[in-house]
Amino acid sequence: MSKKKSRWRKCPAVNPVAPTILPAAGFPGSLSPAKLLANQTNAQLSTGATTPEGKAIVSRNATKHGLTGKFKVLPGESQADFDRVLEGFLRSEEPADEAEVLMVHQMAEALWLSNRCHHLQNQCFEDLQSGTPEQQRQAHKQLALFLRYQTTHDRAFTRYATELRKRRNERRRVERGFVSQKRAEAQQLHRAEVDKQKRELHELKVLIQQARLDRIQNGKKPASTAPACLQAAA
């Protein structure tokens, strides 16, 4: 009877690799006290910008496109142009309270950022056509980013514009309803006044007829005691 051979092969023994031991100089603890003191002194001196001008410059270091975060007009843009856009929206939208004024500001900012995205996209297209390979690679990557940002700002503009239009229409409906109510009240008062005059005239006619009947019953000729207009009406 033959023995079946195993399908599994025996793996050769692997010698364990000895762990690598870093030299003592690679650890911070190996620094001399003088070196540590010098490093601490240098760290205290490297505190960054301290003057207002320096802090303002450092705060702009991370600003690449200004499409996120707090809105601001970039140095290459015109603050006067943005102010004109904002004033135009304030005139056309006619905000009724502080909440609507804030939405108008957000509309103007969203439109401004959308236009900035469009300008940045044009720059990317120029780099894709005539830029270096590295510029083309960066432009292709940034183009998709700017397209997403433009979509976001366009949706924000539409959202605020829709909300403002809805509020404005609601105010107009309330105003129309108020005017209609006042008109209905005036018409009701007029009808009540007309009805009162008709009742008074009817009562006066009844009194005149009753007086005539009384005089006829007493054998006297009825005298004309009512005005001519009432006699004609009778």
C-alpha atoms as a PDB file:
ATOM      1  CA  MET A   1       0.000   0.000   0.000  1.00  0.00           C
ATOM      2  CA  SER A   2       1.613   3.244  -1.201  1.00  0.00           C
ATOM      3  CA  LYS A   3       1.654   6.386   0.892  1.00  0.00           C
ATOM      4  CA  LYS A   4      -0.034   9.463  -0.509  1.00  0.00           C
ATOM      5  CA  LYS A   5       2.250  12.400  -0.987  1.00  0.00           C
ATOM      6  CA  SER A   6       1.207  15.653   0.689  1.00  0.00           C
ATOM      7  CA  ARG A   7       0.134  18.479  -1.586  1.00  0.00           C
ATOM      8  CA  TRP A   8       1.731  21.029   0.691  1.00  0.00           C
ATOM      9  CA  ARG A   9       5.371  21.762   0.343  1.00  0.00           C
ATOM     10  CA  LYS A  10       7.489  22.492   3.280  1.00  0.00           C
ATOM     11  CA  CYS A  11       8.688  26.060   3.400  1.00  0.00           C
ATOM     12  CA  PRO A  12      12.349  26.533   4.098  1.00  0.00           C
ATOM     13  CA  ALA A  13      13.172  27.852   7.477  1.00  0.00           C
ATOM     14  CA  VAL A  14      13.659  31.610   7.585  1.00  0.00           C
ATOM     15  CA  ASN A  15      16.244  33.047   9.851  1.00  0.00           C
ATOM     16  CA  PRO A  16      14.787  35.821  11.986  1.00  0.00           C
ATOM     17  CA  VAL A  17      16.100  39.289  11.205  1.00  0.00           C
ATOM     18  CA  ALA A  18      17.839  40.914  14.034  1.00  0.00           C
ATOM     19  CA  PRO A  19      16.174  44.184  15.097  1.00  0.00           C
ATOM     20  CA  THR A  20      17.900  47.352  14.039  1.00  0.00           C
ATOM     21  CA  ILE A  21      19.220  49.297  16.968  1.00  0.00           C
ATOM     22  CA  LEU A  22      19.460  53.048  16.487  1.00  0.00           C
ATOM     23  CA  PRO A  23      22.554  54.706  17.772  1.00  0.00           C
ATOM     24  CA  ALA A  24      22.257  56.682  20.935  1.00  0.00           C
ATOM     25  CA  ALA A  25      22.839  59.913  19.034  1.00  0.00           C
ATOM     26  CA  GLY A  26      19.476  59.509  17.266  1.00  0.00           C
ATOM     27  CA  PHE A  27      17.468  60.138  20.413  1.00  0.00           C
ATOM     28  CA  PRO A  28      16.710  63.588  21.828  1.00  0.00           C
ATOM     29  CA  GLY A  29      17.927  62.434  25.183  1.00  0.00           C
ATOM     30  CA  SER A  30      21.418  62.229  23.796  1.00  0.00           C
ATOM     31  CA  LEU A  31      21.567  66.052  23.342  1.00  0.00           C
ATOM     32  CA  SER A  32      23.813  67.877  25.683  1.00  0.00           C
ATOM     33  CA  PRO A  33      22.320  70.310  28.211  1.00  0.00           C
ATOM     34  CA  ALA A  34      23.880  73.232  26.331  1.00  0.00           C
ATOM     35  CA  LYS A  35      22.277  72.133  23.061  1.00  0.00           C
ATOM     36  CA  LEU A  36      18.871  71.753  24.700  1.00  0.00           C
ATOM     37  CA  LEU A  37      19.126  75.209  26.239  1.00  0.00           C
ATOM     38  CA  ALA A  38      20.035  76.719  22.868  1.00  0.00           C
ATOM     39  CA  ASN A  39      17.069  75.029  21.194  1.00  0.00           C
ATOM     40  CA  GLN A  40      14.668  76.315  23.845  1.00  0.00           C
ATOM     41  CA  THR A  41      16.042  79.844  23.473  1.00  0.00           C
ATOM     42  CA  ASN A  42      15.644  79.761  19.707  1.00  0.00           C
ATOM     43  CA  ALA A  43      12.100  78.433  20.039  1.00  0.00           C
ATOM     44  CA  GLN A  44      11.132  81.355  22.248  1.00  0.00           C
ATOM     45  CA  LEU A  45      12.507  83.784  19.676  1.00  0.00           C
ATOM     46  CA  SER A  46      10.560  82.157  16.805  1.00  0.00           C
ATOM     47  CA  THR A  47       7.076  83.344  17.831  1.00  0.00           C
ATOM     48  CA  GLY A  48       6.002  84.578  14.412  1.00  0.00           C
ATOM     49  CA  ALA A  49       4.709  88.017  13.501  1.00  0.00           C
ATOM     50  CA  THR A  50       4.194  90.412  16.402  1.00  0.00           C
ATOM     51  CA  THR A  51       3.287  93.731  14.733  1.00  0.00           C
ATOM     52  CA  PRO A  52      -0.214  94.392  13.316  1.00  0.00           C
ATOM     53  CA  GLU A  53       1.233  94.724   9.801  1.00  0.00           C
ATOM     54  CA  GLY A  54       3.080  91.430  10.098  1.00  0.00           C
ATOM     55  CA  LYS A  55       0.043  89.629  11.448  1.00  0.00           C
ATOM     56  CA  ALA A  56      -2.062  90.964   8.580  1.00  0.00           C
ATOM     57  CA  ILE A  57       0.472  89.638   6.056  1.00  0.00           C
ATOM     58  CA  VAL A  58       0.628  86.223   7.744  1.00  0.00           C
ATOM     59  CA  SER A  59      -3.169  85.993   7.819  1.00  0.00           C
ATOM     60  CA  ARG A  60      -3.194  86.245   4.008  1.00  0.00           C
ATOM     61  CA  ASN A  61      -0.568  83.560   3.480  1.00  0.00           C
ATOM     62  CA  ALA A  62      -3.169  80.766   3.363  1.00  0.00           C
ATOM     63  CA  THR A  63      -5.555  82.707   1.095  1.00  0.00           C
ATOM     64  CA  LYS A  64      -5.372  81.058  -2.328  1.00  0.00           C
ATOM     65  CA  HIS A  65      -8.776  81.620  -3.876  1.00  0.00           C
ATOM     66  CA  GLY A  66     -10.972  82.955  -1.037  1.00  0.00           C
ATOM     67  CA  LEU A  67     -13.910  80.737  -2.030  1.00  0.00           C
ATOM     68  CA  THR A  68     -14.361  79.320   1.471  1.00  0.00           C
ATOM     69  CA  GLY A  69     -14.364  80.792   4.939  1.00  0.00           C
ATOM     70  CA  LYS A  70     -15.218  84.389   5.745  1.00  0.00           C
ATOM     71  CA  PHE A  71     -16.063  86.461   2.694  1.00  0.00           C
ATOM     72  CA  LYS A  72     -13.712  89.237   1.646  1.00  0.00           C
ATOM     73  CA  VAL A  73     -12.818  91.071  -1.510  1.00  0.00           C
ATOM     74  CA  LEU A  74      -9.365  89.967  -2.625  1.00  0.00           C
ATOM     75  CA  PRO A  75      -6.587  92.473  -3.388  1.00  0.00           C
ATOM     76  CA  GLY A  76      -6.938  91.905  -7.127  1.00  0.00           C
ATOM     77  CA  GLU A  77     -10.661  92.714  -7.004  1.00  0.00           C
ATOM     78  CA  SER A  78     -12.556  95.989  -6.610  1.00  0.00           C
ATOM     79  CA  GLN A  79     -14.329  96.783  -3.360  1.00  0.00           C
ATOM     80  CA  ALA A  80     -16.207  99.591  -5.126  1.00  0.00           C
ATOM     81  CA  ASP A  81     -17.627  97.119  -7.657  1.00  0.00           C
ATOM     82  CA  PHE A  82     -18.823  94.830  -4.879  1.00  0.00           C
ATOM     83  CA  ASP A  83     -20.429  97.770  -3.058  1.00  0.00           C
ATOM     84  CA  ARG A  84     -22.317  98.692  -6.240  1.00  0.00           C
ATOM     85  CA  VAL A  85     -23.578  95.118  -6.594  1.00  0.00           C
ATOM     86  CA  LEU A  86     -24.736  95.119  -2.989  1.00  0.00           C
ATOM     87  CA  GLU A  87     -26.472  98.499  -3.316  1.00  0.00           C
ATOM     88  CA  GLY A  88     -28.262  97.287  -6.441  1.00  0.00           C
ATOM     89  CA  PHE A  89     -29.627  94.242  -4.606  1.00  0.00           C
ATOM     90  CA  LEU A  90     -30.697  96.388  -1.655  1.00  0.00           C
ATOM     91  CA  ARG A  91     -32.700  98.637  -3.987  1.00  0.00           C
ATOM     92  CA  SER A  92     -34.278  95.839  -6.000  1.00  0.00           C
ATOM     93  CA  GLU A  93     -35.078  93.426  -3.163  1.00  0.00           C
ATOM     94  CA  GLU A  94     -36.329  96.083  -0.695  1.00  0.00           C
ATOM     95  CA  PRO A  95     -35.551  94.121   2.502  1.00  0.00           C
ATOM     96  CA  ALA A  96     -38.089  94.725   5.275  1.00  0.00           C
ATOM     97  CA  ASP A  97     -36.042  93.697   8.329  1.00  0.00           C
ATOM     98  CA  GLU A  98     -32.532  92.795   9.470  1.00  0.00           C
ATOM     99  CA  ALA A  99     -32.962  89.144   8.476  1.00  0.00           C
ATOM    100  CA  GLU A 100     -33.761  90.120   4.898  1.00  0.00           C
ATOM    101  CA  VAL A 101     -30.871  92.619   4.836  1.00  0.00           C
ATOM    102  CA  LEU A 102     -28.555  89.768   5.827  1.00  0.00           C
ATOM    103  CA  MET A 103     -29.961  87.574   3.053  1.00  0.00           C
ATOM    104  CA  VAL A 104     -29.362  90.369   0.534  1.00  0.00           C
ATOM    105  CA  HIS A 105     -25.721  90.567   1.662  1.00  0.00           C
ATOM    106  CA  GLN A 106     -25.393  86.792   1.276  1.00  0.00           C
ATOM    107  CA  MET A 107     -26.907  87.007  -2.205  1.00  0.00           C
ATOM    108  CA  ALA A 108     -24.347  89.619  -3.248  1.00  0.00           C
ATOM    109  CA  GLU A 109     -21.493  87.576  -1.770  1.00  0.00           C
ATOM    110  CA  ALA A 110     -22.662  84.373  -3.475  1.00  0.00           C
ATOM    111  CA  LEU A 111     -22.864  86.130  -6.842  1.00  0.00           C
ATOM    112  CA  TRP A 112     -19.418  87.670  -6.341  1.00  0.00           C
ATOM    113  CA  LEU A 113     -17.864  84.311  -5.435  1.00  0.00           C
ATOM    114  CA  SER A 114     -19.534  82.626  -8.394  1.00  0.00           C
ATOM    115  CA  ASN A 115     -18.007  85.215 -10.722  1.00  0.00           C
ATOM    116  CA  ARG A 116     -14.631  84.666  -9.041  1.00  0.00           C
ATOM    117  CA  CYS A 117     -14.934  80.942  -9.741  1.00  0.00           C
ATOM    118  CA  HIS A 118     -15.596  81.727 -13.385  1.00  0.00           C
ATOM    119  CA  HIS A 119     -12.489  83.917 -13.553  1.00  0.00           C
ATOM    120  CA  LEU A 120     -10.352  81.218 -11.936  1.00  0.00           C
ATOM    121  CA  GLN A 121     -11.689  78.651 -14.387  1.00  0.00           C
ATOM    122  CA  ASN A 122     -10.590  80.853 -17.275  1.00  0.00           C
ATOM    123  CA  GLN A 123      -7.097  80.926 -15.810  1.00  0.00           C
ATOM    124  CA  CYS A 124      -7.115  77.132 -15.605  1.00  0.00           C
ATOM    125  CA  PHE A 125      -8.114  76.871 -19.270  1.00  0.00           C
ATOM    126  CA  GLU A 126      -5.221  79.157 -20.207  1.00  0.00           C
ATOM    127  CA  ASP A 127      -2.778  76.979 -18.250  1.00  0.00           C
ATOM    128  CA  LEU A 128      -4.177  73.839 -19.882  1.00  0.00           C
ATOM    129  CA  GLN A 129      -3.579  75.286 -23.330  1.00  0.00           C
ATOM    130  CA  SER A 130      -0.176  76.915 -22.955  1.00  0.00           C
ATOM    131  CA  GLY A 131       1.206  76.017 -19.540  1.00  0.00           C
ATOM    132  CA  THR A 132       4.007  73.702 -18.511  1.00  0.00           C
ATOM    133  CA  PRO A 133       3.210  70.062 -17.716  1.00  0.00           C
ATOM    134  CA  GLU A 134       3.197  70.894 -14.022  1.00  0.00           C
ATOM    135  CA  GLN A 135       0.909  73.875 -14.594  1.00  0.00           C
ATOM    136  CA  GLN A 136      -1.401  71.730 -16.699  1.00  0.00           C
ATOM    137  CA  ARG A 137      -1.568  69.108 -13.965  1.00  0.00           C
ATOM    138  CA  GLN A 138      -2.417  71.702 -11.331  1.00  0.00           C
ATOM    139  CA  ALA A 139      -4.924  73.419 -13.626  1.00  0.00           C
ATOM    140  CA  HIS A 140      -6.752  70.154 -14.295  1.00  0.00           C
ATOM    141  CA  LYS A 141      -7.008  69.503 -10.576  1.00  0.00           C
ATOM    142  CA  GLN A 142      -8.104  73.045  -9.685  1.00  0.00           C
ATOM    143  CA  LEU A 143     -10.630  73.258 -12.517  1.00  0.00           C
ATOM    144  CA  ALA A 144     -12.795  70.529 -10.984  1.00  0.00           C
ATOM    145  CA  LEU A 145     -12.543  72.244  -7.599  1.00  0.00           C
ATOM    146  CA  PHE A 146     -13.593  75.624  -8.956  1.00  0.00           C
ATOM    147  CA  LEU A 147     -16.544  74.069 -10.784  1.00  0.00           C
ATOM    148  CA  ARG A 148     -17.800  72.544  -7.523  1.00  0.00           C
ATOM    149  CA  TYR A 149     -17.395  75.831  -5.688  1.00  0.00           C
ATOM    150  CA  GLN A 150     -19.289  77.695  -8.408  1.00  0.00           C
ATOM    151  CA  THR A 151     -22.169  75.234  -8.163  1.00  0.00           C
ATOM    152  CA  THR A 152     -22.264  75.717  -4.391  1.00  0.00           C
ATOM    153  CA  HIS A 153     -22.367  79.514  -4.627  1.00  0.00           C
ATOM    154  CA  ASP A 154     -24.955  79.466  -7.430  1.00  0.00           C
ATOM    155  CA  ARG A 155     -27.226  77.320  -5.276  1.00  0.00           C
ATOM    156  CA  ALA A 156     -26.737  79.667  -2.323  1.00  0.00           C
ATOM    157  CA  PHE A 157     -27.703  82.648  -4.485  1.00  0.00           C
ATOM    158  CA  THR A 158     -30.835  80.870  -5.714  1.00  0.00           C
ATOM    159  CA  ARG A 159     -31.799  79.849  -2.177  1.00  0.00           C
ATOM    160  CA  TYR A 160     -31.582  83.384  -0.782  1.00  0.00           C
ATOM    161  CA  ALA A 161     -33.301  84.919  -3.816  1.00  0.00           C
ATOM    162  CA  THR A 162     -36.171  82.427  -3.529  1.00  0.00           C
ATOM    163  CA  GLU A 163     -36.614  83.087   0.182  1.00  0.00           C
ATOM    164  CA  LEU A 164     -36.664  86.850  -0.338  1.00  0.00           C
ATOM    165  CA  ARG A 165     -39.206  86.542  -3.155  1.00  0.00           C
ATOM    166  CA  LYS A 166     -41.421  84.334  -0.993  1.00  0.00           C
ATOM    167  CA  ARG A 167     -41.305  86.832   1.868  1.00  0.00           C
ATOM    168  CA  ARG A 168     -42.062  89.738  -0.461  1.00  0.00           C
ATOM    169  CA  ASN A 169     -45.051  87.958  -1.998  1.00  0.00           C
ATOM    170  CA  GLU A 170     -46.376  87.111   1.448  1.00  0.00           C
ATOM    171  CA  ARG A 171     -46.207  90.762   2.487  1.00  0.00           C
ATOM    172  CA  ARG A 172     -48.069  91.779  -0.658  1.00  0.00           C
ATOM    173  CA  ARG A 173     -50.793  89.219  -0.010  1.00  0.00           C
ATOM    174  CA  VAL A 174     -51.203  90.538   3.515  1.00  0.00           C
ATOM    175  CA  GLU A 175     -51.349  94.113   2.238  1.00  0.00           C
ATOM    176  CA  ARG A 176     -53.909  93.204  -0.420  1.00  0.00           C
ATOM    177  CA  GLY A 177     -55.958  91.383   2.189  1.00  0.00           C
ATOM    178  CA  PHE A 178     -55.825  94.411   4.484  1.00  0.00           C
ATOM    179  CA  VAL A 179     -56.948  96.739   1.703  1.00  0.00           C
ATOM    180  CA  SER A 180     -59.740  94.357   0.699  1.00  0.00           C
ATOM    181  CA  GLN A 181     -60.891  94.151   4.295  1.00  0.00           C
ATOM    182  CA  LYS A 182     -60.995  97.938   4.600  1.00  0.00           C
ATOM    183  CA  ARG A 183     -62.939  98.184   1.324  1.00  0.00           C
ATOM    184  CA  ALA A 184     -65.416  95.569   2.488  1.00  0.00           C
ATOM    185  CA  GLU A 185     -65.893  97.385   5.793  1.00  0.00           C
ATOM    186  CA  ALA A 186     -66.506 100.687   3.968  1.00  0.00           C
ATOM    187  CA  GLN A 187     -69.058  99.051   1.669  1.00  0.00           C
ATOM    188  CA  GLN A 188     -70.805  97.477   4.635  1.00  0.00           C
ATOM    189  CA  LEU A 189     -71.019 100.847   6.396  1.00  0.00           C
ATOM    190  CA  HIS A 190     -72.423 102.428   3.233  1.00  0.00           C
ATOM    191  CA  ARG A 191     -75.084  99.729   2.891  1.00  0.00           C
ATOM    192  CA  ALA A 192     -75.994 100.134   6.548  1.00  0.00           C
ATOM    193  CA  GLU A 193     -76.390 103.890   6.079  1.00  0.00           C
ATOM    194  CA  VAL A 194     -78.553 103.410   2.998  1.00  0.00           C
ATOM    195  CA  ASP A 195     -80.739 100.882   4.822  1.00  0.00           C
ATOM    196  CA  LYS A 196     -81.121 103.284   7.727  1.00  0.00           C
ATOM    197  CA  GLN A 197     -82.255 106.077   5.411  1.00  0.00           C
ATOM    198  CA  LYS A 198     -84.752 103.735   3.734  1.00  0.00           C
ATOM    199  CA  ARG A 199     -86.186 102.701   7.095  1.00  0.00           C
ATOM    200  CA  GLU A 200     -86.515 106.299   8.232  1.00  0.00           C
ATOM    201  CA  LEU A 201     -88.221 107.252   4.967  1.00  0.00           C
ATOM    202  CA  HIS A 202     -90.585 104.291   5.255  1.00  0.00           C
ATOM    203  CA  GLU A 203     -91.460 105.184   8.841  1.00  0.00           C
ATOM    204  CA  LEU A 204     -92.153 108.780   7.774  1.00  0.00           C
ATOM    205  CA  LYS A 205     -94.440 107.589   4.973  1.00  0.00           C
ATOM    206  CA  VAL A 206     -96.305 105.389   7.395  1.00  0.00           C
ATOM    207  CA  LEU A 207     -96.826 108.338   9.759  1.00  0.00           C
ATOM    208  CA  ILE A 208     -98.144 110.516   6.909  1.00  0.00           C
ATOM    209  CA  GLN A 209    -100.578 107.843   5.746  1.00  0.00           C
ATOM    210  CA  GLN A 210    -101.777 107.290   9.293  1.00  0.00           C
ATOM    211  CA  ALA A 211    -102.370 111.020   9.748  1.00  0.00           C
ATOM    212  CA  ARG A 212    -104.410 111.152   6.533  1.00  0.00           C
ATOM    213  CA  LEU A 213    -106.537 108.221   7.612  1.00  0.00           C
ATOM    214  CA  ASP A 214    -107.167 109.830  10.974  1.00  0.00           C
ATOM    215  CA  ARG A 215    -108.348 113.089   9.346  1.00  0.00           C
ATOM    216  CA  ILE A 216    -110.577 111.201   6.883  1.00  0.00           C
ATOM    217  CA  GLN A 217    -112.154 109.260   9.711  1.00  0.00           C
ATOM    218  CA  ASN A 218    -112.783 112.511  11.604  1.00  0.00           C
ATOM    219  CA  GLY A 219    -114.520 114.043   8.564  1.00  0.00           C
ATOM    220  CA  LYS A 220    -111.796 116.524   7.779  1.00  0.00           C
ATOM    221  CA  LYS A 221    -109.974 117.117   4.541  1.00  0.00           C
ATOM    222  CA  PRO A 222    -106.408 115.804   4.824  1.00  0.00           C
ATOM    223  CA  ALA A 223    -103.854 118.560   4.842  1.00  0.00           C
ATOM    224  CA  SER A 224    -100.582 118.360   3.098  1.00  0.00           C
ATOM    225  CA  THR A 225     -98.122 118.243   6.009  1.00  0.00           C
ATOM    226  CA  ALA A 226     -95.207 116.445   4.277  1.00  0.00           C
ATOM    227  CA  PRO A 227     -92.661 117.930   1.952  1.00  0.00           C
ATOM    228  CA  ALA A 228     -93.275 117.760  -1.772  1.00  0.00           C
ATOM    229  CA  CYS A 229     -90.681 115.072  -2.281  1.00  0.00           C
ATOM    230  CA  LEU A 230     -92.353 112.847   0.304  1.00  0.00           C
ATOM    231  CA  GLN A 231     -95.777 113.519  -1.151  1.00  0.00           C
ATOM    232  CA  ALA A 232     -94.563 112.406  -4.540  1.00  0.00           C
ATOM    233  CA  ALA A 233     -93.014 109.309  -2.996  1.00  0.00           C
ATOM    234  CA  ALA A 234     -96.240 108.521  -1.189  1.00  0.00           C
END
